[in-house]
């Protein structure tokens, strides 16, 4: 039987641009089995990933290991040419998953260029934020959490500073504080926060009713702001949040987020975060 799958796969892999991705899926009784190839930024190498839904069985995982891929997930390896990548995909289908040669392939192309560029923007912003905080605070006074946000205590509040990306790749820096936690959202609280927003020159209050948190913050758009502008915004959010958190607690319940005595200890986990909770 003429091998039509091999030349087709080779053609698909050779046509990849840097950061390009092509995924090969076979839909059958075992589910959608996928072999994925991604071309590197410089175009000189290829990453081959085997897996799919459902995850490979233990038996298939052992066979993937004999092909040079990791025995444990993710089943991935790197090769230096398009021909080698295509040949490995063929072996994944033929030897590891034992897919018949006549089985049709579902082929999907994508690119990680946009995602990589956004990741680099976020990393650069995070480095800038760290530099500003280093100049503003003692080294042991701020923390970096698992989400990539810096935070530091300011009296009874705690200020967070972190980069975010929007769907189109635009980046912003969020400077925000969880002023109060464990607070019930009531019409009276909403009216109070709306009137407070009318009276502040920068920033806004918002309430996350599902998680019972009051937030205050302000965003910096893009990457063209100065370090002085970011420093001003950090100070403004810290002072404004600290001026309101105890007043809010006294009138509406809950408590300030950074209770007295917590000091520079790592921040407790917030029940939500701006943009992670669906708002930005």
Protein backbone atom coordinates (compact mmCIF):
# COMPACT_ATOMS: atom_id res chain seq x y z
CA UNK A 1 0.00 0.00 0.00
CA UNK A 2 1.30 3.42 -0.93
CA UNK A 3 2.28 5.56 2.07
CA UNK A 4 0.14 8.69 1.69
CA UNK A 5 0.13 9.69 5.36
CA UNK A 6 3.89 10.17 5.62
CA UNK A 7 4.29 12.67 2.75
CA UNK A 8 1.18 14.56 3.88
CA UNK A 9 2.50 14.92 7.45
CA UNK A 10 5.92 15.94 6.15
CA UNK A 11 4.37 18.65 3.97
CA UNK A 12 2.37 20.02 6.92
CA UNK A 13 5.40 20.16 9.22
CA UNK A 14 7.74 21.67 6.62
CA UNK A 15 5.27 24.49 6.03
CA UNK A 16 5.38 25.69 9.65
CA UNK A 17 6.56 29.22 10.31
CA UNK A 18 8.54 30.00 13.50
CA UNK A 19 6.17 29.57 16.49
CA UNK A 20 3.83 27.66 14.17
CA UNK A 21 1.96 24.64 15.51
CA UNK A 22 0.28 21.77 13.69
CA UNK A 23 -1.79 19.13 15.48
CA UNK A 24 -2.76 15.76 14.03
CA UNK A 25 -5.79 14.05 15.53
CA UNK A 26 -7.48 10.75 14.79
CA UNK A 27 -11.04 10.44 16.06
CA UNK A 28 -11.96 6.88 16.85
CA UNK A 29 -13.04 4.50 19.53
CA UNK A 30 -10.22 5.62 21.82
CA UNK A 31 -11.05 9.30 21.54
CA UNK A 32 -9.09 12.04 19.83
CA UNK A 33 -5.43 11.03 19.71
CA UNK A 34 -3.08 13.91 19.04
CA UNK A 35 0.49 14.39 17.91
CA UNK A 36 1.54 18.03 17.88
CA UNK A 37 4.56 19.74 16.33
CA UNK A 38 5.74 23.26 17.15
CA UNK A 39 8.55 25.08 15.34
CA UNK A 40 10.99 27.10 17.42
CA UNK A 41 11.40 30.87 17.27
CA UNK A 42 14.53 30.66 15.13
CA UNK A 43 13.01 27.94 12.98
CA UNK A 44 15.95 25.61 13.60
CA UNK A 45 14.24 22.97 15.75
CA UNK A 46 10.90 21.32 16.35
CA UNK A 47 9.12 20.19 19.51
CA UNK A 48 7.01 17.05 19.16
CA UNK A 49 4.29 16.37 21.70
CA UNK A 50 2.21 13.21 21.93
CA UNK A 51 -1.02 13.09 23.87
CA UNK A 52 -4.66 13.93 23.65
CA UNK A 53 -8.02 13.22 25.16
CA UNK A 54 -8.15 10.85 26.87
CA UNK A 55 -4.54 10.81 28.06
CA UNK A 56 -2.39 7.98 26.68
CA UNK A 57 -2.77 4.68 28.48
CA UNK A 58 0.17 3.25 30.40
CA UNK A 59 0.83 0.83 27.57
CA UNK A 60 0.87 3.62 25.00
CA UNK A 61 3.09 5.67 27.32
CA UNK A 62 5.64 2.86 27.40
CA UNK A 63 5.65 2.68 23.61
CA UNK A 64 6.07 6.47 23.41
CA UNK A 65 9.12 6.10 25.63
CA UNK A 66 10.70 3.70 23.15
CA UNK A 67 10.34 6.42 20.50
CA UNK A 68 12.43 8.85 22.53
CA UNK A 69 9.57 10.81 24.09
CA UNK A 70 9.20 11.25 27.82
CA UNK A 71 7.58 8.24 29.46
CA UNK A 72 5.66 10.54 31.79
CA UNK A 73 3.34 13.33 30.65
CA UNK A 74 3.91 15.55 28.84
CA UNK A 75 5.23 13.12 26.25
CA UNK A 76 7.53 15.53 24.45
CA UNK A 77 10.90 15.67 22.73
CA UNK A 78 12.83 17.99 20.41
CA UNK A 79 14.32 17.24 17.00
CA UNK A 80 16.45 19.31 14.68
CA UNK A 81 14.62 19.04 11.35
CA UNK A 82 11.16 19.01 9.83
CA UNK A 83 11.84 15.59 8.34
CA UNK A 84 12.72 14.15 11.74
CA UNK A 85 9.61 15.72 13.31
CA UNK A 86 7.35 14.32 10.59
CA UNK A 87 8.95 10.89 10.88
CA UNK A 88 8.39 10.91 14.64
CA UNK A 89 4.73 11.86 14.21
CA UNK A 90 4.31 8.94 11.83
CA UNK A 91 5.88 6.58 14.36
CA UNK A 92 3.64 7.96 17.13
CA UNK A 93 0.59 7.17 15.03
CA UNK A 94 1.87 3.85 13.64
CA UNK A 95 3.80 2.33 16.55
CA UNK A 96 2.60 3.99 19.77
CA UNK A 97 -1.11 4.38 19.02
CA UNK A 98 -1.20 1.74 16.26
CA UNK A 99 -3.54 3.80 14.10
CA UNK A 100 -4.30 2.14 10.74
CA UNK A 101 -2.68 3.93 7.76
CA UNK A 102 -6.06 4.53 6.13
CA UNK A 103 -7.51 6.33 9.17
CA UNK A 104 -8.35 9.95 8.30
CA UNK A 105 -6.47 12.73 10.08
CA UNK A 106 -7.95 15.90 11.50
CA UNK A 107 -5.28 18.59 11.02
CA UNK A 108 -5.30 21.94 12.81
CA UNK A 109 -2.81 24.79 12.38
CA UNK A 110 -2.13 27.54 14.90
CA UNK A 111 0.62 29.90 16.00
CA UNK A 112 2.04 30.69 19.42
CA UNK A 113 3.69 33.91 18.25
CA UNK A 114 1.01 36.14 19.74
CA UNK A 115 1.03 34.27 23.06
CA UNK A 116 4.83 34.36 23.29
CA UNK A 117 4.96 38.07 22.53
CA UNK A 118 2.36 38.75 25.22
CA UNK A 119 4.27 36.60 27.72
CA UNK A 120 7.40 38.63 27.03
CA UNK A 121 5.55 41.90 27.50
CA UNK A 122 4.23 40.67 30.84
CA UNK A 123 7.69 39.51 31.92
CA UNK A 124 9.19 42.90 31.03
CA UNK A 125 6.45 44.73 32.95
CA UNK A 126 6.92 42.43 35.95
CA UNK A 127 10.64 43.25 35.95
CA UNK A 128 9.87 46.98 35.84
CA UNK A 129 7.43 46.65 38.72
CA UNK A 130 10.05 44.82 40.76
CA UNK A 131 12.55 47.61 40.11
CA UNK A 132 10.09 50.29 41.24
CA UNK A 133 9.25 48.42 44.43
CA UNK A 134 12.95 47.80 45.12
CA UNK A 135 13.52 51.56 45.04
CA UNK A 136 10.40 52.23 47.12
CA UNK A 137 10.53 49.55 49.83
CA UNK A 138 13.00 47.43 51.81
CA UNK A 139 13.80 44.13 50.13
CA UNK A 140 11.94 42.08 52.75
CA UNK A 141 8.81 44.27 52.69
CA UNK A 142 7.19 42.89 49.52
CA UNK A 143 6.39 39.47 48.10
CA UNK A 144 5.83 37.91 44.68
CA UNK A 145 2.89 35.50 44.60
CA UNK A 146 2.16 32.53 42.35
CA UNK A 147 0.16 34.71 39.95
CA UNK A 148 3.15 36.97 39.34
CA UNK A 149 1.76 39.88 41.36
CA UNK A 150 3.85 41.77 43.89
CA UNK A 151 2.26 42.78 47.17
CA UNK A 152 3.21 44.63 50.32
CA UNK A 153 1.43 45.66 53.55
CA UNK A 154 0.55 49.27 54.24
CA UNK A 155 -0.87 49.68 57.75
CA UNK A 156 -4.20 47.78 57.67
CA UNK A 157 -4.34 47.32 53.91
CA UNK A 158 -2.23 45.38 51.45
CA UNK A 159 -1.35 46.64 47.99
CA UNK A 160 -0.93 44.40 44.95
CA UNK A 161 0.85 45.36 41.73
CA UNK A 162 0.79 43.09 38.71
CA UNK A 163 0.65 43.07 34.90
CA UNK A 164 -2.30 41.79 32.90
CA UNK A 165 -2.91 41.15 29.21
CA UNK A 166 -6.13 41.76 27.32
CA UNK A 167 -7.34 39.51 24.52
CA UNK A 168 -5.77 41.67 21.80
CA UNK A 169 -2.36 41.58 23.50
CA UNK A 170 -2.60 45.03 25.06
CA UNK A 171 -0.98 45.03 28.48
CA UNK A 172 -1.88 47.00 31.59
CA UNK A 173 -0.52 47.25 35.11
CA UNK A 174 -3.06 46.80 37.88
CA UNK A 175 -2.39 48.54 41.20
CA UNK A 176 -5.07 47.44 43.62
CA UNK A 177 -5.84 46.60 47.21
CA UNK A 178 -8.32 44.25 48.85
CA UNK A 179 -9.47 46.74 51.44
CA UNK A 180 -12.06 44.56 53.20
CA UNK A 181 -12.93 40.86 53.25
CA UNK A 182 -15.85 38.93 54.69
CA UNK A 183 -18.23 41.75 53.90
CA UNK A 184 -21.81 41.42 52.70
CA UNK A 185 -22.79 43.39 49.61
CA UNK A 186 -25.75 45.57 50.53
CA UNK A 187 -27.40 48.53 48.82
CA UNK A 188 -26.02 50.75 51.58
CA UNK A 189 -22.47 49.54 50.93
CA UNK A 190 -22.93 50.08 47.19
CA UNK A 191 -24.14 53.63 47.76
CA UNK A 192 -21.22 54.34 50.08
CA UNK A 193 -18.68 53.08 47.53
CA UNK A 194 -20.33 55.00 44.69
CA UNK A 195 -20.15 58.22 46.71
CA UNK A 196 -16.53 57.41 47.64
CA UNK A 197 -15.69 56.99 43.94
CA UNK A 198 -17.15 60.42 43.25
CA UNK A 199 -14.83 61.94 45.85
CA UNK A 200 -11.49 60.37 44.89
CA UNK A 201 -9.27 61.89 42.21
CA UNK A 202 -7.79 58.57 41.06
CA UNK A 203 -8.95 54.98 41.32
CA UNK A 204 -12.27 53.38 42.08
CA UNK A 205 -13.88 51.10 44.61
CA UNK A 206 -15.60 47.90 43.55
CA UNK A 207 -17.26 45.06 45.39
CA UNK A 208 -16.95 41.39 44.53
CA UNK A 209 -20.22 40.24 46.05
CA UNK A 210 -19.66 36.54 45.31
CA UNK A 211 -16.43 36.48 47.33
CA UNK A 212 -17.34 39.24 49.80
CA UNK A 213 -14.36 41.48 48.99
CA UNK A 214 -14.10 45.24 48.53
CA UNK A 215 -11.36 46.32 46.11
CA UNK A 216 -9.79 49.66 45.36
CA UNK A 217 -7.45 50.21 42.45
CA UNK A 218 -6.32 52.00 39.33
CA UNK A 219 -4.81 50.70 36.07
CA UNK A 220 -1.92 51.96 33.99
CA UNK A 221 -2.45 51.41 30.28
CA UNK A 222 0.24 50.07 28.00
CA UNK A 223 3.99 50.17 28.51
CA UNK A 224 4.81 53.86 28.02
CA UNK A 225 4.29 55.07 31.58
CA UNK A 226 7.24 56.29 33.65
CA UNK A 227 8.53 54.77 36.87
CA UNK A 228 7.50 57.98 38.65
CA UNK A 229 3.91 57.54 37.44
CA UNK A 230 3.85 53.97 38.72
CA UNK A 231 5.37 55.04 42.04
CA UNK A 232 2.72 57.75 42.44
CA UNK A 233 -0.06 55.29 41.67
CA UNK A 234 1.23 52.73 44.17
CA UNK A 235 1.36 55.36 46.92
CA UNK A 236 -2.07 56.71 46.03
CA UNK A 237 -3.72 53.27 46.13
CA UNK A 238 -1.99 52.44 49.42
CA UNK A 239 -3.01 55.65 51.17
CA UNK A 240 -6.58 55.73 49.84
CA UNK A 241 -7.23 52.09 50.70
CA UNK A 242 -5.82 52.54 54.18
CA UNK A 243 -7.97 55.63 54.71
CA UNK A 244 -11.19 53.74 53.94
CA UNK A 245 -10.79 50.11 55.06
CA UNK A 246 -11.47 50.61 58.77
CA UNK A 247 -14.33 53.04 58.05
CA UNK A 248 -15.92 50.42 55.79
CA UNK A 249 -15.47 47.69 58.42
CA UNK A 250 -17.00 49.84 61.16
CA UNK A 251 -20.09 50.66 59.11
CA UNK A 252 -20.67 47.50 57.09
CA UNK A 253 -18.87 44.64 58.84
CA UNK A 254 -16.12 42.39 57.60
CA UNK A 255 -12.54 43.30 58.41
CA UNK A 256 -9.56 45.06 56.83
CA UNK A 257 -7.56 42.70 54.64
CA UNK A 258 -4.24 43.22 56.44
CA UNK A 259 -5.08 43.12 60.14
CA UNK A 260 -2.72 44.78 62.64
CA UNK A 261 0.26 42.59 63.48
CA UNK A 262 0.49 40.84 60.12
CA UNK A 263 3.30 43.15 59.05
CA UNK A 264 5.41 41.97 56.14
CA UNK A 265 4.29 38.35 56.33
CA UNK A 266 3.25 36.82 53.02
CA UNK A 267 -0.25 37.90 52.08
CA UNK A 268 -3.11 35.53 52.73
CA UNK A 269 -4.68 34.23 49.55
CA UNK A 270 -7.40 36.50 48.23
CA UNK A 271 -10.65 34.75 47.26
CA UNK A 272 -10.53 36.50 43.90
CA UNK A 273 -8.44 38.98 41.93
CA UNK A 274 -9.21 41.71 39.40
CA UNK A 275 -9.26 40.21 35.87
CA UNK A 276 -9.08 36.66 37.28
CA UNK A 277 -12.64 37.09 38.54
CA UNK A 278 -13.82 38.35 35.16
CA UNK A 279 -13.37 42.09 35.57
CA UNK A 280 -10.41 44.26 34.67
